[in-house]
Amino acid sequence: MKISLSQLNYHIGNFDSNKAKIIKSISQAKEEGADLIVFSELSISGYPPRDFLEFDDFIKKCEQAVIEIARECTNIAAIVGAPRINTSGKGKHLYNTAWFLSDGEIKHQINKTLLPTYDIFDEYRYFEPNKDFKIIHYNNESIALTICEDLWNVDDIPMYSINPMDKLMLLQPSIIINIAASPFHYNQAKIRQEVLQKNALKYHLPIIYVNHVGAQTELLFDGGSLVMNSEGQLVSELKYFEEDFKTLDSTLIDEMEPKNARQHSKIELIHDALVMGVRNYFHKLGFKKAILGLSGGIDSAVTLVIAARALGNENVEALLLPSQYSSGHSVKDAKDLADNLKTKDYTIAIKNIYDSFENELKPYFEGLPFTIAEENLQARIRGVLLMAFSNKFGNILLNTSNKSEAAVGYGTLYGDMNGGLSVLGDVYKTEVFELARYINKDKEIIPWNTINKPPSAELRPDQKDSDSLPDYTILDAILFEYIENRIGPDEIIAKGYDKATVDRVLKMVNTNEHKRYQTPPILRVSSKAFGMGRRIPIVAKYLS
């Protein structure tokens, strides 16, 4: 049987667009002589639809789209993903369903069994788990149709008490098809392929796997749909971060030549994911132009490059906002970068504005030393100016804070923490340096002085980040252990880190949770990002 894999970039709730893309792919599959075309999990609605699933109108539009797509399925079958109403009168209102369409109508509905409720996933909030196991007989294949997490319960210590494939194997399938919405992080492709390989080896069946691609606010999907033979060898792999399409003969999968998975460095993956994330965020919301504050520092420099590559240099503007504490080389570095990228830039010195604020506050602040209040005042002036440009010209402000700063609260609310989208909020400072070097791998785009100079907020004379924070190599290592690995202070100290430093860093993380609740959406590139996948109380005493 000839099967087409269609890896598409969907838009949550944009039924006309999603339906049109699916129907176009069905036409292409027909032209290539396919018997069956496979789309990804919740392809009709987009993933994750979240509380849109609580609206009856949303569910009706999903079902209507499925019916209209089914009419296109003549001389071909299709598998699409969409929510389905649970009519049993028991349990959650919906199922997460794979719909099998052929002969112009809906033929089969296979519901998802394992509903992830961890990190960014919250599927049991909406869906009832499947309890009825069946396979689909079509042409010369007996299909074990599964949905994403249904194949992930293969660890030595399983997360779930049931394994859907164990049930389906009793019905003697000839092939596994898995439709998925597997969000990106920089290790996810490797983990995903290992999970699929375990299934292929355990059940001695070939696997066809179709994933989402594209960004849905902070969640990024890398694609990487694939075909694996019954010996767990990769025989076909679709593109990463792009839509793609592939047709093959299912009866020849075990005869196809094995191939190595595409090799991508961690920093290359992060770079490509961020470019896609910015591009999709703007295009799906109907935005075109971006603006950011360009300081001459490395964070804003990397953000500007990412934005220019995502949106086109003509659609990105930089605002240079030097204060009396900004060094001359920082202004020059910022200007040189804007010139290298051919992005439009404007310079507004903030000293006069700062002086006017200071003059108004003098009756209340007189006699008091210069403190963080005066430092934050400068950051908030910059924030006001950037938002003024955003409001006046319709440019969306990009936030340039990195994960290290967000973790320890090294940022100013309503100042440099402003923005419609956080580009680097899941990228540690040490990784930002790696990104900058990756950007410069072929030629100097970011001035090398920006990369090589000590990081500084430049909010007081001769200020350096190291005055307030541990060295970033130490800070980021401690943060990674606490945030991504979720281990406590004693275990981190046992790894060789100074106790006072560990205690101080973890206290900063937990006492600054209130700031992170007020940040813009953060593009997720790690296994544990700030945002929807990390739920920490603001008012708490633990390690604070």
Protein backbone atom coordinates (compact mmCIF):
# COMPACT_ATOMS: atom_id res chain seq x y z
CA MET A 1 0.00 0.00 0.00
CA LYS A 2 1.31 3.46 -0.89
CA ILE A 3 1.19 5.83 2.07
CA SER A 4 1.83 9.58 2.09
CA LEU A 5 3.15 11.42 5.15
CA SER A 6 2.01 15.04 5.28
CA GLN A 7 3.89 17.22 7.78
CA LEU A 8 2.09 20.56 8.01
CA ASN A 9 2.16 23.79 9.98
CA TYR A 10 -1.31 24.26 11.44
CA HIS A 11 -2.89 27.32 13.04
CA ILE A 12 -5.00 26.79 16.16
CA GLY A 13 -8.68 27.46 15.41
CA ASN A 14 -8.01 28.52 11.81
CA PHE A 15 -10.28 25.85 10.37
CA ASP A 16 -10.36 27.26 6.84
CA SER A 17 -6.57 27.33 6.58
CA ASN A 18 -6.02 23.93 8.21
CA LYS A 19 -8.73 22.35 6.06
CA ALA A 20 -7.35 23.89 2.87
CA LYS A 21 -3.83 22.61 3.64
CA ILE A 22 -5.13 19.12 4.32
CA ILE A 23 -7.24 19.00 1.15
CA LYS A 24 -4.30 20.27 -0.92
CA SER A 25 -2.13 17.48 0.49
CA ILE A 26 -4.82 14.92 -0.28
CA SER A 27 -4.78 16.09 -3.91
CA GLN A 28 -0.99 15.75 -4.01
CA ALA A 29 -1.20 12.25 -2.53
CA LYS A 30 -3.73 11.26 -5.18
CA GLU A 31 -1.38 12.54 -7.90
CA GLU A 32 1.38 10.36 -6.44
CA GLY A 33 -0.88 7.32 -6.43
CA ALA A 34 -1.18 7.01 -2.66
CA ASP A 35 -3.81 4.77 -1.09
CA LEU A 36 -3.61 6.50 2.30
CA ILE A 37 -2.39 9.87 3.57
CA VAL A 38 -1.52 10.51 7.21
CA PHE A 39 -1.77 13.85 9.04
CA SER A 40 -0.80 14.66 12.63
CA GLU A 41 -2.59 14.69 15.98
CA LEU A 42 -5.36 17.30 16.30
CA SER A 43 -4.50 18.53 12.83
CA ILE A 44 -7.99 19.96 12.34
CA SER A 45 -7.91 22.18 15.42
CA GLY A 46 -4.19 22.76 15.78
CA TYR A 47 -2.31 21.78 18.92
CA PRO A 48 -2.74 22.59 21.77
CA PRO A 49 -6.25 24.10 21.53
CA ARG A 50 -6.42 24.27 25.34
CA ASP A 51 -9.66 25.82 26.68
CA PHE A 52 -11.08 26.36 23.20
CA LEU A 53 -12.06 22.72 23.70
CA GLU A 54 -14.63 23.89 26.25
CA PHE A 55 -16.59 25.75 23.56
CA ASP A 56 -19.27 23.71 21.77
CA ASP A 57 -18.94 25.94 18.72
CA PHE A 58 -15.23 25.08 18.46
CA ILE A 59 -15.98 21.34 18.56
CA LYS A 60 -18.76 21.70 15.98
CA LYS A 61 -16.38 23.49 13.62
CA CYS A 62 -13.84 20.69 14.07
CA GLU A 63 -16.42 18.03 13.22
CA GLN A 64 -17.73 19.98 10.23
CA ALA A 65 -14.18 20.29 8.88
CA VAL A 66 -13.69 16.52 9.24
CA ILE A 67 -16.91 15.88 7.29
CA GLU A 68 -15.83 18.26 4.51
CA ILE A 69 -12.37 16.64 4.30
CA ALA A 70 -13.96 13.19 4.21
CA ARG A 71 -15.79 14.19 1.02
CA GLU A 72 -12.39 14.65 -0.65
CA CYS A 73 -11.39 11.09 0.28
CA THR A 74 -12.50 9.24 -2.82
CA ASN A 75 -10.04 6.70 -4.22
CA ILE A 76 -7.87 7.48 -1.21
CA ALA A 77 -8.11 7.24 2.58
CA ALA A 78 -6.89 9.81 5.10
CA ILE A 79 -6.09 9.88 8.81
CA VAL A 80 -6.67 13.23 10.49
CA GLY A 81 -6.71 14.30 14.14
CA ALA A 82 -9.57 16.16 15.82
CA PRO A 83 -11.49 16.20 19.10
CA ARG A 84 -14.65 14.09 19.26
CA ILE A 85 -17.60 14.25 21.64
CA ASN A 86 -17.87 11.47 24.20
CA THR A 87 -21.50 10.35 23.96
CA SER A 88 -21.28 7.68 26.67
CA GLY A 89 -22.55 10.01 29.38
CA LYS A 90 -19.55 9.16 31.56
CA GLY A 91 -16.13 10.74 31.91
CA LYS A 92 -14.73 13.79 30.18
CA HIS A 93 -16.74 15.46 27.42
CA LEU A 94 -14.26 14.74 24.62
CA TYR A 95 -11.89 12.23 23.13
CA ASN A 96 -8.63 13.04 21.34
CA THR A 97 -9.37 11.12 18.17
CA ALA A 98 -7.73 9.87 14.99
CA TRP A 99 -10.40 9.88 12.26
CA PHE A 100 -10.03 7.38 9.39
CA LEU A 101 -11.75 8.73 6.27
CA SER A 102 -12.42 6.88 3.02
CA ASP A 103 -15.12 6.51 0.34
CA GLY A 104 -16.19 10.08 1.09
CA GLU A 105 -17.15 9.40 4.71
CA ILE A 106 -15.94 8.74 8.24
CA LYS A 107 -15.09 5.04 8.55
CA HIS A 108 -13.28 4.66 11.88
CA GLN A 109 -12.57 6.69 15.00
CA ILE A 110 -9.61 5.69 17.19
CA ASN A 111 -9.29 7.49 20.52
CA LYS A 112 -6.08 8.31 22.36
CA THR A 113 -5.44 6.07 25.35
CA LEU A 114 -2.56 7.70 27.23
CA LEU A 115 -3.26 11.34 28.06
CA PRO A 116 -0.13 13.20 29.22
CA THR A 117 -0.57 15.52 32.17
CA TYR A 118 2.94 16.81 32.87
CA ASP A 119 5.15 19.71 31.87
CA ILE A 120 3.35 21.54 29.01
CA PHE A 121 0.72 18.81 28.60
CA ASP A 122 -2.70 18.96 30.22
CA GLU A 123 -4.76 16.55 28.13
CA TYR A 124 -6.68 14.86 30.93
CA ARG A 125 -8.20 18.26 31.66
CA TYR A 126 -10.22 17.84 28.47
CA PHE A 127 -10.16 14.26 27.19
CA GLU A 128 -11.42 10.85 28.29
CA PRO A 129 -8.92 8.02 27.76
CA ASN A 130 -9.70 5.26 25.28
CA LYS A 131 -10.68 1.85 26.65
CA ASP A 132 -11.70 0.11 23.40
CA PHE A 133 -8.87 -1.36 21.31
CA LYS A 134 -9.21 -2.17 17.63
CA ILE A 135 -7.13 -2.15 14.47
CA ILE A 136 -8.06 -0.88 11.02
CA HIS A 137 -7.99 -3.20 8.02
CA TYR A 138 -7.37 -1.27 4.84
CA ASN A 139 -6.08 -2.63 1.54
CA ASN A 140 -3.33 -5.10 2.42
CA GLU A 141 -2.48 -3.66 5.83
CA SER A 142 -3.82 -4.15 9.36
CA ILE A 143 -3.10 -0.80 11.02
CA ALA A 144 -2.41 -0.26 14.70
CA LEU A 145 -3.37 3.42 14.77
CA THR A 146 -1.97 5.23 17.81
CA ILE A 147 -1.76 8.83 18.93
CA CYS A 148 1.53 10.32 20.18
CA GLU A 149 1.83 9.34 23.88
CA ASP A 150 0.32 5.91 23.15
CA LEU A 151 3.80 4.76 22.06
CA TRP A 152 5.74 6.42 24.90
CA ASN A 153 5.04 3.94 27.70
CA VAL A 154 8.09 1.79 26.95
CA ASP A 155 10.48 2.87 29.71
CA ASP A 156 11.79 0.36 32.24
CA ILE A 157 9.64 2.14 34.83
CA PRO A 158 6.45 2.89 32.86
CA MET A 159 4.46 6.04 33.61
CA TYR A 160 1.11 4.43 32.86
CA SER A 161 -0.46 1.17 34.03
CA ILE A 162 -1.52 0.21 30.52
CA ASN A 163 0.32 -0.07 27.20
CA PRO A 164 -1.96 0.39 24.18
CA MET A 165 0.33 -1.52 21.80
CA ASP A 166 0.25 -4.60 24.05
CA LYS A 167 -3.52 -4.63 23.59
CA LEU A 168 -3.35 -3.97 19.86
CA MET A 169 -0.78 -6.73 19.28
CA LEU A 170 -3.41 -9.28 20.26
CA LEU A 171 -5.23 -8.26 17.07
CA GLN A 172 -2.18 -9.00 14.87
CA PRO A 173 -1.47 -5.66 13.15
CA SER A 174 1.00 -5.47 10.26
CA ILE A 175 2.08 -1.83 10.76
CA ILE A 176 2.02 0.92 13.40
CA ILE A 177 0.92 4.43 12.43
CA ASN A 178 1.41 7.13 15.04
CA ILE A 179 0.05 10.65 14.63
CA ALA A 180 1.70 13.11 17.00
CA ALA A 181 2.05 16.60 18.36
CA SER A 182 5.48 16.30 19.92
CA PRO A 183 6.81 19.72 21.01
CA PHE A 184 10.42 20.61 20.35
CA HIS A 185 13.25 20.90 22.78
CA TYR A 186 16.86 20.48 21.78
CA ASN A 187 17.03 16.83 22.90
CA GLN A 188 13.53 15.82 21.82
CA ALA A 189 14.30 14.43 18.34
CA LYS A 190 16.86 12.01 19.77
CA ILE A 191 14.54 10.92 22.58
CA ARG A 192 11.63 10.55 20.16
CA GLN A 193 13.59 8.32 17.80
CA GLU A 194 14.76 6.16 20.70
CA VAL A 195 11.15 5.69 21.84
CA LEU A 196 10.00 4.73 18.35
CA GLN A 197 12.94 2.35 17.98
CA LYS A 198 11.99 0.61 21.23
CA ASN A 199 8.47 0.09 19.87
CA ALA A 200 9.68 -1.25 16.53
CA LEU A 201 12.03 -3.72 18.23
CA LYS A 202 9.50 -4.76 20.86
CA TYR A 203 6.66 -5.42 18.43
CA HIS A 204 8.69 -6.27 15.30
CA LEU A 205 6.59 -3.91 13.21
CA PRO A 206 7.41 -0.97 10.94
CA ILE A 207 6.31 2.46 12.17
CA ILE A 208 5.03 5.48 10.27
CA TYR A 209 5.19 8.59 12.45
CA VAL A 210 3.76 12.01 11.48
CA ASN A 211 4.45 15.07 13.66
CA HIS A 212 3.40 18.72 13.70
CA VAL A 213 5.76 21.43 12.50
CA GLY A 214 5.59 25.14 13.31
CA ALA A 215 5.09 27.35 16.34
CA GLN A 216 1.99 27.78 18.49
CA THR A 217 2.82 30.78 20.69
CA GLU A 218 5.61 29.48 22.97
CA LEU A 219 5.41 25.84 21.88
CA LEU A 220 7.58 24.93 18.91
CA PHE A 221 7.18 21.80 16.79
CA ASP A 222 10.16 20.60 14.79
CA GLY A 223 8.56 18.09 12.42
CA GLY A 224 11.04 15.29 11.84
CA SER A 225 8.29 12.85 10.81
CA LEU A 226 9.80 9.49 9.97
CA VAL A 227 9.51 5.88 8.90
CA MET A 228 11.21 3.09 10.84
CA ASN A 229 11.51 -0.54 9.79
CA SER A 230 10.64 -3.53 11.96
CA GLU A 231 14.28 -3.75 13.11
CA GLY A 232 14.16 -0.25 14.54
CA GLN A 233 16.20 1.32 11.75
CA LEU A 234 15.39 4.72 10.33
CA VAL A 235 14.60 4.45 6.61
CA SER A 236 13.01 7.85 5.88
CA GLU A 237 12.98 11.20 7.67
CA LEU A 238 11.17 14.39 6.78
CA LYS A 239 12.58 17.89 7.20
CA TYR A 240 12.97 19.77 10.45
CA PHE A 241 11.27 23.15 10.99
CA GLU A 242 9.64 23.00 7.54
CA GLU A 243 6.53 21.54 6.00
CA ASP A 244 7.28 18.35 4.08
CA PHE A 245 5.63 15.50 2.20
CA LYS A 246 6.69 11.95 1.41
CA THR A 247 5.05 8.96 -0.31
CA LEU A 248 6.29 5.38 0.06
CA ASP A 249 5.17 1.77 -0.27
CA SER A 250 4.42 0.26 3.14
CA THR A 251 5.18 -3.27 1.89
CA LEU A 252 8.73 -2.20 1.01
CA ILE A 253 9.65 -0.49 4.29
CA ASP A 254 11.72 -3.44 5.50
CA GLU A 255 13.56 -3.46 2.17
CA MET A 256 14.43 0.25 2.24
CA GLU A 257 18.05 1.14 2.93
CA PRO A 258 18.60 2.30 6.53
CA LYS A 259 19.88 5.84 6.95
CA ASN A 260 21.40 7.90 9.69
CA ALA A 261 19.24 10.50 11.38
CA ARG A 262 20.06 14.08 10.44
CA GLN A 263 22.75 15.47 12.69
CA HIS A 264 22.15 18.90 14.19
CA SER A 265 24.15 20.56 16.94
CA LYS A 266 22.26 21.79 19.98
CA ILE A 267 22.93 25.42 19.09
CA GLU A 268 21.90 24.94 15.45
CA LEU A 269 18.60 23.44 16.64
CA ILE A 270 18.00 26.30 19.07
CA HIS A 271 18.80 28.86 16.38
CA ASP A 272 16.45 27.31 13.82
CA ALA A 273 13.70 26.84 16.39
CA LEU A 274 13.86 30.47 17.51
CA VAL A 275 13.77 31.77 13.93
CA MET A 276 10.71 29.63 13.22
CA GLY A 277 9.12 30.66 16.53
CA VAL A 278 9.43 34.39 15.85
CA ARG A 279 8.28 34.03 12.25
CA ASN A 280 5.19 31.98 13.12
CA TYR A 281 4.23 34.15 16.10
CA PHE A 282 4.16 37.23 13.90
CA HIS A 283 2.58 35.70 10.82
CA LYS A 284 -0.15 33.78 12.68
CA LEU A 285 -1.14 36.91 14.61
CA GLY A 286 -1.05 39.09 11.51
CA PHE A 287 1.91 41.14 12.73
CA LYS A 288 4.63 42.23 10.32
CA LYS A 289 7.18 44.48 11.99
CA ALA A 290 9.23 44.16 15.17
CA ILE A 291 11.19 46.60 17.29
CA LEU A 292 13.67 46.04 20.10
CA GLY A 293 16.07 47.95 22.27
CA LEU A 294 19.61 47.46 20.99
CA SER A 295 22.13 48.09 23.76
CA GLY A 296 25.39 46.87 22.31
CA GLY A 297 25.15 43.83 24.56
CA ILE A 298 24.99 40.24 23.43
CA ASP A 299 21.35 39.47 24.27
CA SER A 300 19.84 42.25 22.17
CA ALA A 301 22.37 41.55 19.41
CA VAL A 302 21.37 37.89 19.10
CA THR A 303 17.69 38.82 19.31
CA LEU A 304 18.07 41.30 16.47
CA VAL A 305 19.73 38.71 14.24
CA ILE A 306 17.05 36.10 15.00
CA ALA A 307 14.31 38.64 14.27
CA ALA A 308 15.90 39.79 11.01
CA ARG A 309 16.23 36.20 9.82
CA ALA A 310 12.64 35.45 10.82
CA LEU A 311 10.92 38.54 9.48
CA GLY A 312 13.36 40.09 7.01
CA ASN A 313 15.74 42.90 7.88
CA GLU A 314 13.33 45.45 6.41
CA ASN A 315 10.73 44.51 9.01
CA VAL A 316 12.89 44.93 12.11
CA GLU A 317 13.87 48.21 13.74
CA ALA A 318 16.30 48.87 16.56
CA LEU A 319 16.10 51.63 19.12
CA LEU A 320 19.43 52.66 20.66
CA LEU A 321 18.79 54.27 24.06
CA PRO A 322 22.13 55.22 25.62
CA SER A 323 22.26 56.70 29.10
CA GLN A 324 25.01 58.65 30.78
CA TYR A 325 26.45 55.28 31.86
CA SER A 326 26.53 53.70 28.40
CA SER A 327 30.03 53.23 27.06
CA GLY A 328 30.98 54.61 23.69
CA HIS A 329 31.95 51.18 22.41
CA SER A 330 28.49 49.80 23.29
CA VAL A 331 26.79 52.43 21.15
CA LYS A 332 29.25 51.74 18.34
CA ASP A 333 28.75 47.97 18.61
CA ALA A 334 24.98 48.42 18.41
CA LYS A 335 25.26 50.72 15.40
CA ASP A 336 27.71 48.41 13.64
CA LEU A 337 25.36 45.45 14.07
CA ALA A 338 22.38 47.37 12.69
CA ASP A 339 24.54 48.40 9.73
CA ASN A 340 25.70 44.81 9.17
CA LEU A 341 22.10 43.62 9.09
CA LYS A 342 20.85 46.65 7.16
CA THR A 343 18.11 47.17 9.73
CA LYS A 344 16.73 50.61 10.45
CA ASP A 345 17.90 52.12 13.75
CA TYR A 346 17.16 55.22 15.80
CA THR A 347 19.08 56.75 18.69
CA ILE A 348 17.44 58.54 21.61
CA ALA A 349 19.69 59.48 24.52
CA ILE A 350 17.76 59.11 27.76
CA LYS A 351 19.86 61.37 30.03
CA ASN A 352 17.55 64.39 29.74
CA ILE A 353 14.49 62.28 30.48
CA TYR A 354 16.27 60.66 33.42
CA ASP A 355 17.34 64.06 34.73
CA SER A 356 13.76 65.32 34.61
CA PHE A 357 12.57 62.30 36.58
CA GLU A 358 15.37 62.74 39.08
CA ASN A 359 14.49 66.40 39.45
CA GLU A 360 10.84 65.57 40.17
CA LEU A 361 11.85 62.91 42.69
CA LYS A 362 14.50 65.04 44.36
CA PRO A 363 12.27 66.31 47.18
CA TYR A 364 11.62 62.69 48.16
CA PHE A 365 14.97 61.08 47.33
CA GLU A 366 17.27 63.91 48.49
CA GLY A 367 20.01 62.73 50.76
CA LEU A 368 19.52 59.10 49.86
CA PRO A 369 22.26 57.14 48.03
CA PHE A 370 22.05 56.01 44.41
CA THR A 371 20.43 52.55 44.48
CA ILE A 372 18.59 50.06 42.34
CA ALA A 373 15.72 52.56 42.20
CA GLU A 374 17.77 54.86 39.97
CA GLU A 375 19.02 51.90 37.91
CA ASN A 376 15.48 50.66 37.32
CA LEU A 377 14.32 54.15 36.45
CA GLN A 378 16.64 54.08 33.44
CA ALA A 379 15.35 50.69 32.35
CA ARG A 380 11.74 51.87 32.67
CA ILE A 381 12.43 55.00 30.65
CA ARG A 382 13.71 52.75 27.90
CA GLY A 383 10.63 50.56 28.27
CA VAL A 384 8.32 53.57 27.90
CA LEU A 385 10.13 54.78 24.77
CA LEU A 386 10.08 51.34 23.18
CA MET A 387 6.36 50.95 23.88
CA ALA A 388 5.73 54.44 22.50
CA PHE A 389 7.32 53.36 19.21
CA SER A 390 5.36 50.12 19.32
CA ASN A 391 2.05 51.91 19.85
CA LYS A 392 2.73 54.65 17.32
CA PHE A 393 4.00 52.53 14.45
CA GLY A 394 2.46 49.12 15.18
CA ASN A 395 5.78 47.36 15.68
CA ILE A 396 5.70 44.51 18.20
CA LEU A 397 8.33 44.84 20.91
CA LEU A 398 10.63 41.84 21.28
CA ASN A 399 11.89 41.09 24.76
CA THR A 400 15.64 40.38 24.90
CA SER A 401 16.05 38.90 28.41
CA ASN A 402 17.79 35.52 28.67
CA LYS A 403 16.91 32.55 30.90
CA SER A 404 19.69 33.22 33.41
CA GLU A 405 18.39 36.74 34.03
CA ALA A 406 14.76 35.58 34.17
CA ALA A 407 15.71 32.84 36.63
CA VAL A 408 17.33 35.10 39.21
CA GLY A 409 15.24 38.21 38.63
CA TYR A 410 18.05 40.21 37.04
CA GLY A 411 15.70 42.45 35.11
CA THR A 412 13.32 45.36 35.62
CA LEU A 413 9.56 44.89 35.56
CA TYR A 414 7.96 47.36 33.12
CA GLY A 415 11.43 48.12 31.78
CA ASP A 416 13.69 45.64 30.02
CA MET A 417 11.16 42.89 30.82
CA ASN A 418 8.62 44.53 28.49
CA GLY A 419 7.67 42.88 25.22
CA GLY A 420 5.12 40.94 23.21
CA LEU A 421 7.37 37.89 22.84
CA SER A 422 10.46 36.71 24.71
CA VAL A 423 12.93 35.34 22.17
CA LEU A 424 15.76 34.24 24.50
CA GLY A 425 13.83 33.60 27.71
CA ASP A 426 14.59 29.87 27.52
CA VAL A 427 18.25 30.33 26.52
CA TYR A 428 20.87 30.55 29.26
CA LYS A 429 23.48 33.30 29.03
CA THR A 430 26.25 30.84 28.20
CA GLU A 431 24.06 29.51 25.36
CA VAL A 432 23.48 33.06 24.12
CA PHE A 433 27.26 33.36 23.67
CA GLU A 434 27.23 30.06 21.75
CA LEU A 435 24.42 31.36 19.56
CA ALA A 436 26.39 34.51 18.81
CA ARG A 437 29.43 32.48 17.76
CA TYR A 438 27.19 30.24 15.63
CA ILE A 439 25.73 33.32 13.93
CA ASN A 440 29.28 34.50 13.19
CA LYS A 441 30.48 31.09 11.91
CA ASP A 442 30.80 32.27 8.31
CA LYS A 443 31.49 35.99 8.77
CA GLU A 444 31.30 38.68 11.41
CA ILE A 445 27.70 39.76 11.81
CA ILE A 446 27.63 40.47 15.52
CA PRO A 447 30.67 42.62 16.34
CA TRP A 448 33.24 40.45 18.09
CA ASN A 449 33.61 43.13 20.75
CA THR A 450 29.97 42.49 21.73
CA ILE A 451 30.80 38.80 22.22
CA ASN A 452 34.12 39.24 23.98
CA LYS A 453 33.44 42.09 26.42
CA PRO A 454 32.22 41.40 29.98
CA PRO A 455 28.38 41.53 30.18
CA SER A 456 27.00 44.70 31.77
CA ALA A 457 23.62 46.36 32.24
CA GLU A 458 25.42 49.74 32.17
CA LEU A 459 23.06 51.32 34.68
CA ARG A 460 25.79 52.69 36.95
CA PRO A 461 29.47 53.54 36.51
CA ASP A 462 31.70 50.58 35.58
CA GLN A 463 28.90 48.11 36.26
CA LYS A 464 29.37 44.43 35.35
CA ASP A 465 26.95 41.53 35.72
CA SER A 466 29.60 39.77 37.81
CA ASP A 467 29.13 42.48 40.49
CA SER A 468 25.67 41.05 41.24
CA LEU A 469 25.79 37.46 39.98
CA PRO A 470 28.13 34.47 40.07
CA ASP A 471 30.14 33.82 36.92
CA TYR A 472 27.67 32.70 34.26
CA THR A 473 29.35 29.34 33.75
CA ILE A 474 28.72 28.56 37.43
CA LEU A 475 25.33 30.26 37.60
CA ASP A 476 23.97 28.47 34.54
CA ALA A 477 25.20 25.08 35.71
CA ILE A 478 23.42 25.52 39.06
CA LEU A 479 20.28 26.81 37.37
CA PHE A 480 20.24 23.86 34.98
CA GLU A 481 20.46 21.37 37.83
CA TYR A 482 17.62 23.08 39.70
CA ILE A 483 15.29 24.00 36.81
CA GLU A 484 15.78 21.27 34.19
CA ASN A 485 16.95 18.40 36.41
CA ARG A 486 14.81 19.50 39.38
CA ILE A 487 17.26 18.48 42.07
CA GLY A 488 17.56 20.11 45.47
CA PRO A 489 20.35 22.12 47.08
CA ASP A 490 22.07 19.23 48.87
CA GLU A 491 22.38 17.25 45.65
CA ILE A 492 23.70 20.29 43.75
CA ILE A 493 26.26 20.99 46.48
CA ALA A 494 27.30 17.32 46.35
CA LYS A 495 28.22 17.88 42.70
CA GLY A 496 30.96 20.24 43.86
CA TYR A 497 29.28 23.66 43.96
CA ASP A 498 29.83 26.12 46.79
CA LYS A 499 27.04 25.91 49.39
CA ALA A 500 26.68 29.65 49.87
CA THR A 501 26.47 30.19 46.11
CA VAL A 502 23.89 27.42 45.65
CA ASP A 503 21.73 28.69 48.52
CA ARG A 504 21.90 32.25 47.19
CA VAL A 505 21.06 31.27 43.60
CA LEU A 506 18.10 29.06 44.54
CA LYS A 507 16.74 31.76 46.81
CA MET A 508 16.92 34.26 43.95
CA VAL A 509 15.08 31.85 41.66
CA ASN A 510 12.21 31.25 44.06
CA THR A 511 11.80 34.80 45.34
CA ASN A 512 11.54 36.16 41.78
CA GLU A 513 8.66 33.96 40.65
CA HIS A 514 6.36 37.01 40.74
CA LYS A 515 8.43 38.66 38.03
CA ARG A 516 8.19 35.66 35.73
CA TYR A 517 4.40 35.65 36.00
CA GLN A 518 4.47 39.07 34.33
CA THR A 519 6.79 38.26 31.42
CA PRO A 520 5.72 37.83 27.78
CA PRO A 521 5.37 34.36 26.24
CA ILE A 522 8.77 32.62 26.10
CA LEU A 523 9.76 30.49 23.10
CA ARG A 524 10.42 27.01 24.54
CA VAL A 525 13.64 25.30 23.45
CA SER A 526 14.58 23.33 26.58
CA SER A 527 12.94 20.47 28.43
CA LYS A 528 11.79 22.82 31.22
CA ALA A 529 11.02 26.38 30.22
CA PHE A 530 9.52 29.17 32.26
CA GLY A 531 5.86 29.49 31.32
CA MET A 532 3.06 26.97 30.89
CA GLY A 533 5.30 23.96 31.62
CA ARG A 534 6.63 25.16 34.98
CA ARG A 535 4.07 25.84 37.69
CA ILE A 536 5.58 27.27 40.87
CA PRO A 537 3.66 29.18 43.59
CA ILE A 538 4.48 32.84 43.99
CA VAL A 539 3.71 32.94 47.71
CA ALA A 540 5.83 30.12 49.09
CA LYS A 541 8.63 29.58 51.59
CA TYR A 542 10.60 26.74 49.98
CA LEU A 543 14.29 27.73 49.63
CA SER A 544 13.37 31.39 49.91
